[in-house]
Amino acid sequence: MIAASATALIGRTPLVALDRIHRGSGRIVAKAEFMQPGGSVKDRAALAIVEAARSDGRLPPGRTVVEMTSGNMGAGLAVACAALGHPLVVTMSAGNSEARARMLEGLGAEVVLISQVDGVPGRVTGADIAAAAAAARRIAAERGAFYVDQFNAAEPIHAHQFGTGREILDQAGCPIDGWAAAVGTGATFMGVARALKAASAATWCVAVEPQGSAPLGGGRVSKPGHILQGTGYGAVPPHWDAPLMDESMEVSDTEASDWRHRLAAEEGFYVGFSAAANVCAAVRLLESGRLRRDAVVATVLCDTGLKY
């Protein structure tokens, strides 16, 4: 079969077993989202929002698209906009990795870097994100462009519920006992959790948060700057559906760095820090004794490590 465009390659990623990195009881399976055209799970959300906006008239043909990004959503939008004929402008905190800005420019996006408010390079805070979002809203208004506003968009949740979640169930071919995913906008976590819990109400769903920035678990935000770019903004996402979360699990910068190295050295997957945090949480869940001995825990390898 011949794909018609890059957008036809979004979704339907492989589900891979992480049997080398976890040799204890139970099994971890992970969606290889780093294989998306834009290199991350955000391709699904980007395409869902753009297609919905084109369908309902919010995004006429050829109109400019504007969004704030930490890198991954911008890449997904760049892929979708290139294929569908829309110029793209993204605002990004200057604290995000330089490789992400270069990648977005390479994909044809106009990148506007926004000075950090209280973060440092490599560690972007909620205030930094708010500043970049404010700049995106301003640019969209000035240019009469379509503002994506990913945090307030419902389409990504549906894309993960009826796409990613159902794919996991179909590919695994067995009950999913646990689900662990880092939370930024919350779309991946919530969408997949809805699909898995619809199939089995007993599925234990773990929201992964950076250590010291875990408001979903009721913690005080004592460390707004962390290395899990694109997650843990220190606030509860607008569409957050609390009953879907059975547990919040904090992962430290050190743990994320260690598991990132292990995923590369033991499994051959060079992925980002949030993917590593997800695997760390999945292993912890299996080792907690909370699930049956031969439990299957699903997670997501969010993006490629080449963006860091």
C-alpha atoms as a PDB file:
ATOM      1  CA  MET A   1       0.000   0.000   0.000  1.00  0.00           C
ATOM      2  CA  ILE A   2       1.133   3.551  -0.759  1.00  0.00           C
ATOM      3  CA  ALA A   3       0.399   6.231   1.839  1.00  0.00           C
ATOM      4  CA  ALA A   4      -1.121   9.391   0.374  1.00  0.00           C
ATOM      5  CA  SER A   5       0.779  11.772   2.660  1.00  0.00           C
ATOM      6  CA  ALA A   6       2.631  12.091   5.946  1.00  0.00           C
ATOM      7  CA  THR A   7      -0.658  12.342   7.829  1.00  0.00           C
ATOM      8  CA  ALA A   8      -1.560   8.827   6.662  1.00  0.00           C
ATOM      9  CA  LEU A   9       1.446   7.578   8.639  1.00  0.00           C
ATOM     10  CA  ILE A  10       0.159   8.954  11.945  1.00  0.00           C
ATOM     11  CA  GLY A  11      -1.127   6.332  14.367  1.00  0.00           C
ATOM     12  CA  ARG A  12      -1.063   2.548  14.320  1.00  0.00           C
ATOM     13  CA  THR A  13       2.389   2.458  15.910  1.00  0.00           C
ATOM     14  CA  PRO A  14       3.834  -0.902  17.023  1.00  0.00           C
ATOM     15  CA  LEU A  15       3.329  -2.234  20.546  1.00  0.00           C
ATOM     16  CA  VAL A  16       6.647  -3.549  21.847  1.00  0.00           C
ATOM     17  CA  ALA A  17       7.452  -5.715  24.861  1.00  0.00           C
ATOM     18  CA  LEU A  18      10.180  -4.416  27.176  1.00  0.00           C
ATOM     19  CA  ASP A  19      11.313  -7.858  28.322  1.00  0.00           C
ATOM     20  CA  ARG A  20      15.006  -6.951  28.551  1.00  0.00           C
ATOM     21  CA  ILE A  21      14.647  -3.983  30.843  1.00  0.00           C
ATOM     22  CA  HIS A  22      12.118  -5.744  33.100  1.00  0.00           C
ATOM     23  CA  ARG A  23      12.849  -9.406  33.834  1.00  0.00           C
ATOM     24  CA  GLY A  24      10.637  -9.763  36.899  1.00  0.00           C
ATOM     25  CA  SER A  25       7.072 -10.994  37.087  1.00  0.00           C
ATOM     26  CA  GLY A  26       4.540  -9.492  34.739  1.00  0.00           C
ATOM     27  CA  ARG A  27       5.233  -7.715  31.487  1.00  0.00           C
ATOM     28  CA  ILE A  28       5.560  -4.168  30.181  1.00  0.00           C
ATOM     29  CA  VAL A  29       4.307  -3.323  26.691  1.00  0.00           C
ATOM     30  CA  ALA A  30       4.856   0.107  25.185  1.00  0.00           C
ATOM     31  CA  LYS A  31       3.496   2.022  22.216  1.00  0.00           C
ATOM     32  CA  ALA A  32       6.421   3.098  20.013  1.00  0.00           C
ATOM     33  CA  GLU A  33       5.188   6.654  19.462  1.00  0.00           C
ATOM     34  CA  PHE A  34       8.696   7.857  18.607  1.00  0.00           C
ATOM     35  CA  MET A  35       8.086   6.211  15.207  1.00  0.00           C
ATOM     36  CA  GLN A  36       5.488   8.836  14.234  1.00  0.00           C
ATOM     37  CA  PRO A  37       6.409  11.196  11.332  1.00  0.00           C
ATOM     38  CA  GLY A  38       6.948  14.068  13.783  1.00  0.00           C
ATOM     39  CA  GLY A  39       8.775  11.829  16.221  1.00  0.00           C
ATOM     40  CA  SER A  40       6.251  11.779  19.060  1.00  0.00           C
ATOM     41  CA  VAL A  41       2.856  10.883  20.444  1.00  0.00           C
ATOM     42  CA  LYS A  42       1.754  14.486  19.841  1.00  0.00           C
ATOM     43  CA  ASP A  43       1.318  13.774  16.131  1.00  0.00           C
ATOM     44  CA  ARG A  44      -2.024  12.176  16.982  1.00  0.00           C
ATOM     45  CA  ALA A  45      -3.261  15.223  18.912  1.00  0.00           C
ATOM     46  CA  ALA A  46      -2.018  17.673  16.293  1.00  0.00           C
ATOM     47  CA  LEU A  47      -3.753  15.921  13.424  1.00  0.00           C
ATOM     48  CA  ALA A  48      -6.985  15.505  15.411  1.00  0.00           C
ATOM     49  CA  ILE A  49      -7.190  19.229  16.192  1.00  0.00           C
ATOM     50  CA  VAL A  50      -6.296  20.395  12.680  1.00  0.00           C
ATOM     51  CA  GLU A  51      -8.707  18.003  10.979  1.00  0.00           C
ATOM     52  CA  ALA A  52     -11.551  18.983  13.320  1.00  0.00           C
ATOM     53  CA  ALA A  53     -10.904  22.691  12.771  1.00  0.00           C
ATOM     54  CA  ARG A  54     -10.831  22.231   8.993  1.00  0.00           C
ATOM     55  CA  SER A  55     -14.044  20.232   9.143  1.00  0.00           C
ATOM     56  CA  ASP A  56     -16.053  22.733  11.192  1.00  0.00           C
ATOM     57  CA  GLY A  57     -14.773  25.856   9.451  1.00  0.00           C
ATOM     58  CA  ARG A  58     -12.508  27.253  12.153  1.00  0.00           C
ATOM     59  CA  LEU A  59      -9.514  26.662   9.886  1.00  0.00           C
ATOM     60  CA  PRO A  60     -10.175  27.682   6.271  1.00  0.00           C
ATOM     61  CA  PRO A  61      -7.822  26.424   3.535  1.00  0.00           C
ATOM     62  CA  GLY A  62      -4.427  28.119   3.603  1.00  0.00           C
ATOM     63  CA  ARG A  63      -4.930  29.939   6.917  1.00  0.00           C
ATOM     64  CA  THR A  64      -1.997  30.162   9.328  1.00  0.00           C
ATOM     65  CA  VAL A  65      -1.929  27.947  12.423  1.00  0.00           C
ATOM     66  CA  VAL A  66      -0.387  29.192  15.684  1.00  0.00           C
ATOM     67  CA  GLU A  67       0.437  27.275  18.854  1.00  0.00           C
ATOM     68  CA  MET A  68       2.627  27.230  21.935  1.00  0.00           C
ATOM     69  CA  THR A  69       4.795  24.125  22.134  1.00  0.00           C
ATOM     70  CA  SER A  70       7.562  22.475  24.097  1.00  0.00           C
ATOM     71  CA  GLY A  71       8.590  20.887  20.814  1.00  0.00           C
ATOM     72  CA  ASN A  72       6.554  17.752  20.246  1.00  0.00           C
ATOM     73  CA  MET A  73       3.174  19.337  19.541  1.00  0.00           C
ATOM     74  CA  GLY A  74       4.912  21.782  17.243  1.00  0.00           C
ATOM     75  CA  ALA A  75       6.489  18.933  15.289  1.00  0.00           C
ATOM     76  CA  GLY A  76       3.147  17.162  14.972  1.00  0.00           C
ATOM     77  CA  LEU A  77       1.511  20.367  13.781  1.00  0.00           C
ATOM     78  CA  ALA A  78       4.351  20.984  11.334  1.00  0.00           C
ATOM     79  CA  VAL A  79       3.766  17.572   9.760  1.00  0.00           C
ATOM     80  CA  ALA A  80       0.000  18.083   9.550  1.00  0.00           C
ATOM     81  CA  CYS A  81       0.244  21.665   8.317  1.00  0.00           C
ATOM     82  CA  ALA A  82       2.818  20.812   5.652  1.00  0.00           C
ATOM     83  CA  ALA A  83       0.635  18.012   4.301  1.00  0.00           C
ATOM     84  CA  LEU A  84      -2.568  20.054   4.442  1.00  0.00           C
ATOM     85  CA  GLY A  85      -1.225  23.403   3.215  1.00  0.00           C
ATOM     86  CA  HIS A  86      -1.184  25.647   6.285  1.00  0.00           C
ATOM     87  CA  PRO A  87       1.671  27.953   7.375  1.00  0.00           C
ATOM     88  CA  LEU A  88       2.662  27.303  11.002  1.00  0.00           C
ATOM     89  CA  VAL A  89       3.960  29.640  13.699  1.00  0.00           C
ATOM     90  CA  VAL A  90       5.022  28.186  17.054  1.00  0.00           C
ATOM     91  CA  THR A  91       6.084  29.911  20.249  1.00  0.00           C
ATOM     92  CA  MET A  92       8.462  28.025  22.489  1.00  0.00           C
ATOM     93  CA  SER A  93      10.133  28.711  25.799  1.00  0.00           C
ATOM     94  CA  ALA A  94      13.841  29.365  25.277  1.00  0.00           C
ATOM     95  CA  GLY A  95      14.436  26.792  28.022  1.00  0.00           C
ATOM     96  CA  ASN A  96      13.463  23.888  25.779  1.00  0.00           C
ATOM     97  CA  SER A  97      16.216  22.013  23.988  1.00  0.00           C
ATOM     98  CA  GLU A  98      17.766  23.843  21.047  1.00  0.00           C
ATOM     99  CA  ALA A  99      17.421  20.685  18.968  1.00  0.00           C
ATOM    100  CA  ARG A 100      13.637  21.039  19.106  1.00  0.00           C
ATOM    101  CA  ALA A 101      13.709  24.563  17.689  1.00  0.00           C
ATOM    102  CA  ARG A 102      16.062  23.480  14.890  1.00  0.00           C
ATOM    103  CA  MET A 103      13.828  20.534  14.055  1.00  0.00           C
ATOM    104  CA  LEU A 104      10.718  22.734  13.859  1.00  0.00           C
ATOM    105  CA  GLU A 105      12.478  25.217  11.602  1.00  0.00           C
ATOM    106  CA  GLY A 106      13.622  22.313   9.444  1.00  0.00           C
ATOM    107  CA  LEU A 107       9.980  21.265   9.096  1.00  0.00           C
ATOM    108  CA  GLY A 108       9.117  24.726   7.813  1.00  0.00           C
ATOM    109  CA  ALA A 109       7.621  26.291  10.946  1.00  0.00           C
ATOM    110  CA  GLU A 110       8.309  29.844  12.059  1.00  0.00           C
ATOM    111  CA  VAL A 111       9.727  29.529  15.586  1.00  0.00           C
ATOM    112  CA  VAL A 112       9.399  32.370  18.095  1.00  0.00           C
ATOM    113  CA  LEU A 113      11.500  31.794  21.220  1.00  0.00           C
ATOM    114  CA  ILE A 114      10.122  33.297  24.449  1.00  0.00           C
ATOM    115  CA  SER A 115      12.436  34.216  27.332  1.00  0.00           C
ATOM    116  CA  GLN A 116      12.046  32.118  30.475  1.00  0.00           C
ATOM    117  CA  VAL A 117      10.232  33.541  33.484  1.00  0.00           C
ATOM    118  CA  ASP A 118      11.694  31.447  36.296  1.00  0.00           C
ATOM    119  CA  GLY A 119      13.137  28.317  34.704  1.00  0.00           C
ATOM    120  CA  VAL A 120      16.620  27.533  33.459  1.00  0.00           C
ATOM    121  CA  PRO A 121      17.773  25.926  30.184  1.00  0.00           C
ATOM    122  CA  GLY A 122      16.597  22.313  30.055  1.00  0.00           C
ATOM    123  CA  ARG A 123      14.067  22.891  32.851  1.00  0.00           C
ATOM    124  CA  VAL A 124      10.892  24.669  31.782  1.00  0.00           C
ATOM    125  CA  THR A 125       8.347  25.746  34.410  1.00  0.00           C
ATOM    126  CA  GLY A 126       4.619  26.346  34.287  1.00  0.00           C
ATOM    127  CA  ALA A 127       5.256  30.095  34.264  1.00  0.00           C
ATOM    128  CA  ASP A 128       7.533  29.681  31.238  1.00  0.00           C
ATOM    129  CA  ILE A 129       4.782  27.778  29.437  1.00  0.00           C
ATOM    130  CA  ALA A 130       2.211  30.443  30.338  1.00  0.00           C
ATOM    131  CA  ALA A 131       4.434  33.140  28.854  1.00  0.00           C
ATOM    132  CA  ALA A 132       4.856  31.182  25.617  1.00  0.00           C
ATOM    133  CA  ALA A 133       1.091  30.544  25.445  1.00  0.00           C
ATOM    134  CA  ALA A 134       0.341  34.245  25.936  1.00  0.00           C
ATOM    135  CA  ALA A 135       2.679  35.067  23.063  1.00  0.00           C
ATOM    136  CA  ALA A 136       0.943  32.498  20.851  1.00  0.00           C
ATOM    137  CA  ARG A 137      -2.472  33.983  21.593  1.00  0.00           C
ATOM    138  CA  ARG A 138      -1.177  37.461  20.779  1.00  0.00           C
ATOM    139  CA  ILE A 139       0.372  36.373  17.481  1.00  0.00           C
ATOM    140  CA  ALA A 140      -2.779  34.487  16.473  1.00  0.00           C
ATOM    141  CA  ALA A 141      -4.900  37.580  17.121  1.00  0.00           C
ATOM    142  CA  GLU A 142      -2.498  39.864  15.238  1.00  0.00           C
ATOM    143  CA  ARG A 143      -2.372  37.606  12.181  1.00  0.00           C
ATOM    144  CA  GLY A 144      -5.967  36.440  12.145  1.00  0.00           C
ATOM    145  CA  ALA A 145      -4.693  32.887  12.525  1.00  0.00           C
ATOM    146  CA  PHE A 146      -6.172  29.716  13.991  1.00  0.00           C
ATOM    147  CA  TYR A 147      -4.965  29.246  17.584  1.00  0.00           C
ATOM    148  CA  VAL A 148      -4.675  25.555  18.448  1.00  0.00           C
ATOM    149  CA  ASP A 149      -4.852  25.916  22.259  1.00  0.00           C
ATOM    150  CA  GLN A 150      -3.948  22.279  22.924  1.00  0.00           C
ATOM    151  CA  PHE A 151      -4.594  22.426  26.674  1.00  0.00           C
ATOM    152  CA  ASN A 152      -8.245  23.327  26.104  1.00  0.00           C
ATOM    153  CA  ALA A 153      -8.866  21.121  23.069  1.00  0.00           C
ATOM    154  CA  ALA A 154     -10.939  17.969  23.546  1.00  0.00           C
ATOM    155  CA  GLU A 155     -10.033  16.354  20.214  1.00  0.00           C
ATOM    156  CA  PRO A 156      -6.710  14.866  21.439  1.00  0.00           C
ATOM    157  CA  ILE A 157      -8.477  12.969  24.227  1.00  0.00           C
ATOM    158  CA  HIS A 158     -10.840  11.405  21.715  1.00  0.00           C
ATOM    159  CA  ALA A 159      -7.911  10.595  19.394  1.00  0.00           C
ATOM    160  CA  HIS A 160      -6.221   8.618  22.145  1.00  0.00           C
ATOM    161  CA  GLN A 161      -9.403   6.960  23.367  1.00  0.00           C
ATOM    162  CA  PHE A 162     -10.492   5.701  19.961  1.00  0.00           C
ATOM    163  CA  GLY A 163      -7.008   5.460  18.464  1.00  0.00           C
ATOM    164  CA  THR A 164      -4.149   4.723  20.865  1.00  0.00           C
ATOM    165  CA  GLY A 165      -6.238   2.979  23.508  1.00  0.00           C
ATOM    166  CA  ARG A 166      -8.037   0.690  21.100  1.00  0.00           C
ATOM    167  CA  GLU A 167      -4.772  -0.051  19.306  1.00  0.00           C
ATOM    168  CA  ILE A 168      -3.230  -1.217  22.596  1.00  0.00           C
ATOM    169  CA  LEU A 169      -6.166  -3.534  23.257  1.00  0.00           C
ATOM    170  CA  ASP A 170      -6.132  -4.960  19.737  1.00  0.00           C
ATOM    171  CA  GLN A 171      -2.360  -5.394  19.592  1.00  0.00           C
ATOM    172  CA  ALA A 172      -1.936  -6.880  23.064  1.00  0.00           C
ATOM    173  CA  GLY A 173      -4.630  -9.487  22.564  1.00  0.00           C
ATOM    174  CA  CYS A 174      -4.972  -9.862  26.322  1.00  0.00           C
ATOM    175  CA  PRO A 175      -6.329  -7.928  29.323  1.00  0.00           C
ATOM    176  CA  ILE A 176      -4.397  -4.785  30.266  1.00  0.00           C
ATOM    177  CA  ASP A 177      -3.923  -4.715  34.022  1.00  0.00           C
ATOM    178  CA  GLY A 178      -2.153  -1.384  34.329  1.00  0.00           C
ATOM    179  CA  TRP A 179      -1.528   1.845  32.418  1.00  0.00           C
ATOM    180  CA  ALA A 180       1.188   4.398  33.205  1.00  0.00           C
ATOM    181  CA  ALA A 181       1.684   7.692  31.372  1.00  0.00           C
ATOM    182  CA  ALA A 182       3.150  11.109  32.078  1.00  0.00           C
ATOM    183  CA  VAL A 183       0.721  14.031  32.117  1.00  0.00           C
ATOM    184  CA  GLY A 184       1.144  17.306  30.244  1.00  0.00           C
ATOM    185  CA  THR A 185      -2.197  18.258  28.723  1.00  0.00           C
ATOM    186  CA  GLY A 186      -3.414  14.888  30.026  1.00  0.00           C
ATOM    187  CA  ALA A 187      -4.857  13.805  26.672  1.00  0.00           C
ATOM    188  CA  THR A 188      -2.769  10.647  26.278  1.00  0.00           C
ATOM    189  CA  PHE A 189      -3.331   9.515  29.845  1.00  0.00           C
ATOM    190  CA  MET A 190      -7.073  10.214  29.867  1.00  0.00           C
ATOM    191  CA  GLY A 191      -7.910   8.980  26.389  1.00  0.00           C
ATOM    192  CA  VAL A 192      -6.125   5.660  26.789  1.00  0.00           C
ATOM    193  CA  ALA A 193      -7.398   5.236  30.361  1.00  0.00           C
ATOM    194  CA  ARG A 194     -10.970   5.604  29.123  1.00  0.00           C
ATOM    195  CA  ALA A 195     -10.463   2.938  26.472  1.00  0.00           C
ATOM    196  CA  LEU A 196      -8.740   0.501  28.813  1.00  0.00           C
ATOM    197  CA  LYS A 197     -11.215   0.969  31.655  1.00  0.00           C
ATOM    198  CA  ALA A 198     -14.103   0.506  29.219  1.00  0.00           C
ATOM    199  CA  ALA A 199     -12.611  -2.878  28.357  1.00  0.00           C
ATOM    200  CA  SER A 200     -11.841  -3.730  31.996  1.00  0.00           C
ATOM    201  CA  ALA A 201     -12.864  -1.554  34.925  1.00  0.00           C
ATOM    202  CA  ALA A 202     -10.086  -3.179  36.961  1.00  0.00           C
ATOM    203  CA  THR A 203      -7.298  -1.578  34.902  1.00  0.00           C
ATOM    204  CA  TRP A 204      -5.094   0.382  37.335  1.00  0.00           C
ATOM    205  CA  CYS A 205      -4.179   3.751  35.813  1.00  0.00           C
ATOM    206  CA  VAL A 206      -1.093   5.622  37.038  1.00  0.00           C
ATOM    207  CA  ALA A 207      -0.500   9.290  36.236  1.00  0.00           C
ATOM    208  CA  VAL A 208       3.251   9.914  36.091  1.00  0.00           C
ATOM    209  CA  GLU A 209       4.425  13.268  37.464  1.00  0.00           C
ATOM    210  CA  PRO A 210       7.863  14.834  37.994  1.00  0.00           C
ATOM    211  CA  GLN A 211       9.100  14.668  41.553  1.00  0.00           C
ATOM    212  CA  GLY A 212       8.336  17.958  43.261  1.00  0.00           C
ATOM    213  CA  SER A 213       5.732  18.971  40.692  1.00  0.00           C
ATOM    214  CA  ALA A 214       2.856  16.594  41.284  1.00  0.00           C
ATOM    215  CA  PRO A 215      -0.402  18.514  41.803  1.00  0.00           C
ATOM    216  CA  LEU A 216      -2.493  15.601  40.472  1.00  0.00           C
ATOM    217  CA  GLY A 217      -1.414  13.601  43.486  1.00  0.00           C
ATOM    218  CA  GLY A 218      -2.176  16.496  45.800  1.00  0.00           C
ATOM    219  CA  GLY A 219       1.456  17.438  46.290  1.00  0.00           C
ATOM    220  CA  ARG A 220       2.886  20.908  46.706  1.00  0.00           C
ATOM    221  CA  VAL A 221       4.848  22.203  43.719  1.00  0.00           C
ATOM    222  CA  SER A 222       8.301  22.525  45.271  1.00  0.00           C
ATOM    223  CA  LYS A 223      10.318  21.959  42.085  1.00  0.00           C
ATOM    224  CA  PRO A 224       8.664  23.621  39.089  1.00  0.00           C
ATOM    225  CA  GLY A 225      11.812  23.113  36.980  1.00  0.00           C
ATOM    226  CA  HIS A 226      12.543  19.496  35.932  1.00  0.00           C
ATOM    227  CA  ILE A 227      13.848  17.568  32.926  1.00  0.00           C
ATOM    228  CA  LEU A 228      10.550  15.948  31.900  1.00  0.00           C
ATOM    229  CA  GLN A 229       9.889  18.460  29.122  1.00  0.00           C
ATOM    230  CA  GLY A 230       6.271  18.563  27.984  1.00  0.00           C
ATOM    231  CA  THR A 231       4.908  17.254  31.297  1.00  0.00           C
ATOM    232  CA  GLY A 232       4.399  18.329  34.903  1.00  0.00           C
ATOM    233  CA  TYR A 233       3.509  21.981  34.445  1.00  0.00           C
ATOM    234  CA  GLY A 234       2.551  22.356  38.096  1.00  0.00           C
ATOM    235  CA  ALA A 235      -1.188  22.704  37.481  1.00  0.00           C
ATOM    236  CA  VAL A 236      -4.154  20.408  36.889  1.00  0.00           C
ATOM    237  CA  PRO A 237      -4.996  20.299  33.132  1.00  0.00           C
ATOM    238  CA  PRO A 238      -8.314  21.974  32.173  1.00  0.00           C
ATOM    239  CA  HIS A 239      -9.985  18.743  30.996  1.00  0.00           C
ATOM    240  CA  TRP A 240      -8.646  16.581  33.823  1.00  0.00           C
ATOM    241  CA  ASP A 241     -10.957  13.648  34.634  1.00  0.00           C
ATOM    242  CA  ALA A 242      -9.837  12.742  38.147  1.00  0.00           C
ATOM    243  CA  PRO A 243     -11.730   9.410  38.519  1.00  0.00           C
ATOM    244  CA  LEU A 244      -9.619   7.947  35.708  1.00  0.00           C
ATOM    245  CA  MET A 245      -6.492   8.214  37.884  1.00  0.00           C
ATOM    246  CA  ASP A 246      -6.075   5.405  40.399  1.00  0.00           C
ATOM    247  CA  GLU A 247      -2.655   6.579  41.515  1.00  0.00           C
ATOM    248  CA  SER A 248      -0.157   9.396  41.020  1.00  0.00           C
ATOM    249  CA  MET A 249       3.503   8.367  40.875  1.00  0.00           C
ATOM    250  CA  GLU A 250       6.411  10.808  41.071  1.00  0.00           C
ATOM    251  CA  VAL A 251       9.628  10.164  39.146  1.00  0.00           C
ATOM    252  CA  SER A 252      12.818  12.100  39.877  1.00  0.00           C
ATOM    253  CA  ASP A 253      15.177  13.633  37.331  1.00  0.00           C
ATOM    254  CA  THR A 254      17.829  11.111  38.339  1.00  0.00           C
ATOM    255  CA  GLU A 255      15.474   8.172  37.841  1.00  0.00           C
ATOM    256  CA  ALA A 256      14.374   9.475  34.450  1.00  0.00           C
ATOM    257  CA  SER A 257      17.992   9.900  33.345  1.00  0.00           C
ATOM    258  CA  ASP A 258      18.928   6.414  34.548  1.00  0.00           C
ATOM    259  CA  TRP A 259      15.971   4.703  32.868  1.00  0.00           C
ATOM    260  CA  ARG A 260      16.579   6.651  29.662  1.00  0.00           C
ATOM    261  CA  HIS A 261      20.094   5.250  29.540  1.00  0.00           C
ATOM    262  CA  ARG A 262      18.840   1.742  30.296  1.00  0.00           C
ATOM    263  CA  LEU A 263      16.208   1.879  27.548  1.00  0.00           C
ATOM    264  CA  ALA A 264      18.926   2.755  25.051  1.00  0.00           C
ATOM    265  CA  ALA A 265      21.569   0.333  26.319  1.00  0.00           C
ATOM    266  CA  GLU A 266      19.308  -2.653  27.055  1.00  0.00           C
ATOM    267  CA  GLU A 267      16.394  -2.302  24.636  1.00  0.00           C
ATOM    268  CA  GLY A 268      17.903  -0.225  21.812  1.00  0.00           C
ATOM    269  CA  PHE A 269      15.345   2.577  22.179  1.00  0.00           C
ATOM    270  CA  TYR A 270      16.798   6.091  22.276  1.00  0.00           C
ATOM    271  CA  VAL A 271      13.855   8.021  23.683  1.00  0.00           C
ATOM    272  CA  GLY A 272      13.129  11.114  25.761  1.00  0.00           C
ATOM    273  CA  PHE A 273      12.918  11.660  29.501  1.00  0.00           C
ATOM    274  CA  SER A 274       9.128  11.392  29.785  1.00  0.00           C
ATOM    275  CA  ALA A 275       9.242   7.996  28.046  1.00  0.00           C
ATOM    276  CA  ALA A 276      11.873   6.898  30.548  1.00  0.00           C
ATOM    277  CA  ALA A 277       9.734   8.156  33.442  1.00  0.00           C
ATOM    278  CA  ASN A 278       6.796   6.147  32.076  1.00  0.00           C
ATOM    279  CA  VAL A 279       8.844   2.951  32.038  1.00  0.00           C
ATOM    280  CA  CYS A 280      10.179   3.658  35.527  1.00  0.00           C
ATOM    281  CA  ALA A 281       6.588   3.985  36.778  1.00  0.00           C
ATOM    282  CA  ALA A 282       5.467   0.837  34.935  1.00  0.00           C
ATOM    283  CA  VAL A 283       8.247  -1.188  36.574  1.00  0.00           C
ATOM    284  CA  ARG A 284       7.368   0.224  39.992  1.00  0.00           C
ATOM    285  CA  LEU A 285       3.726  -0.680  39.466  1.00  0.00           C
ATOM    286  CA  LEU A 286       4.602  -4.279  38.609  1.00  0.00           C
ATOM    287  CA  GLU A 287       6.913  -4.508  41.613  1.00  0.00           C
ATOM    288  CA  SER A 288       4.368  -2.966  44.001  1.00  0.00           C
ATOM    289  CA  GLY A 289       2.367  -6.169  44.400  1.00  0.00           C
ATOM    290  CA  ARG A 290      -0.783  -4.239  43.576  1.00  0.00           C
ATOM    291  CA  LEU A 291      -1.429  -6.283  40.418  1.00  0.00           C
ATOM    292  CA  ARG A 292      -1.604 -10.019  39.747  1.00  0.00           C
ATOM    293  CA  ARG A 293       1.738 -11.747  39.303  1.00  0.00           C
ATOM    294  CA  ASP A 294       1.466 -12.159  35.522  1.00  0.00           C
ATOM    295  CA  ALA A 295       0.009  -8.693  34.964  1.00  0.00           C
ATOM    296  CA  VAL A 296       0.491  -6.731  31.740  1.00  0.00           C
ATOM    297  CA  VAL A 297       1.191  -3.013  32.136  1.00  0.00           C
ATOM    298  CA  ALA A 298       0.981  -0.726  29.110  1.00  0.00           C
ATOM    299  CA  THR A 299       2.816   2.548  28.685  1.00  0.00           C
ATOM    300  CA  VAL A 300       4.013   4.862  25.937  1.00  0.00           C
ATOM    301  CA  LEU A 301       7.460   5.712  24.589  1.00  0.00           C
ATOM    302  CA  CYS A 302       6.465   9.314  23.940  1.00  0.00           C
ATOM    303  CA  ASP A 303       9.199  10.623  21.684  1.00  0.00           C
ATOM    304  CA  THR A 304      12.606  10.168  20.160  1.00  0.00           C
ATOM    305  CA  GLY A 305      15.694  11.165  22.117  1.00  0.00           C
ATOM    306  CA  LEU A 306      17.050  13.005  19.105  1.00  0.00           C
ATOM    307  CA  LYS A 307      15.118  16.117  20.198  1.00  0.00           C
ATOM    308  CA  TYR A 308      17.206  16.607  23.350  1.00  0.00           C
END
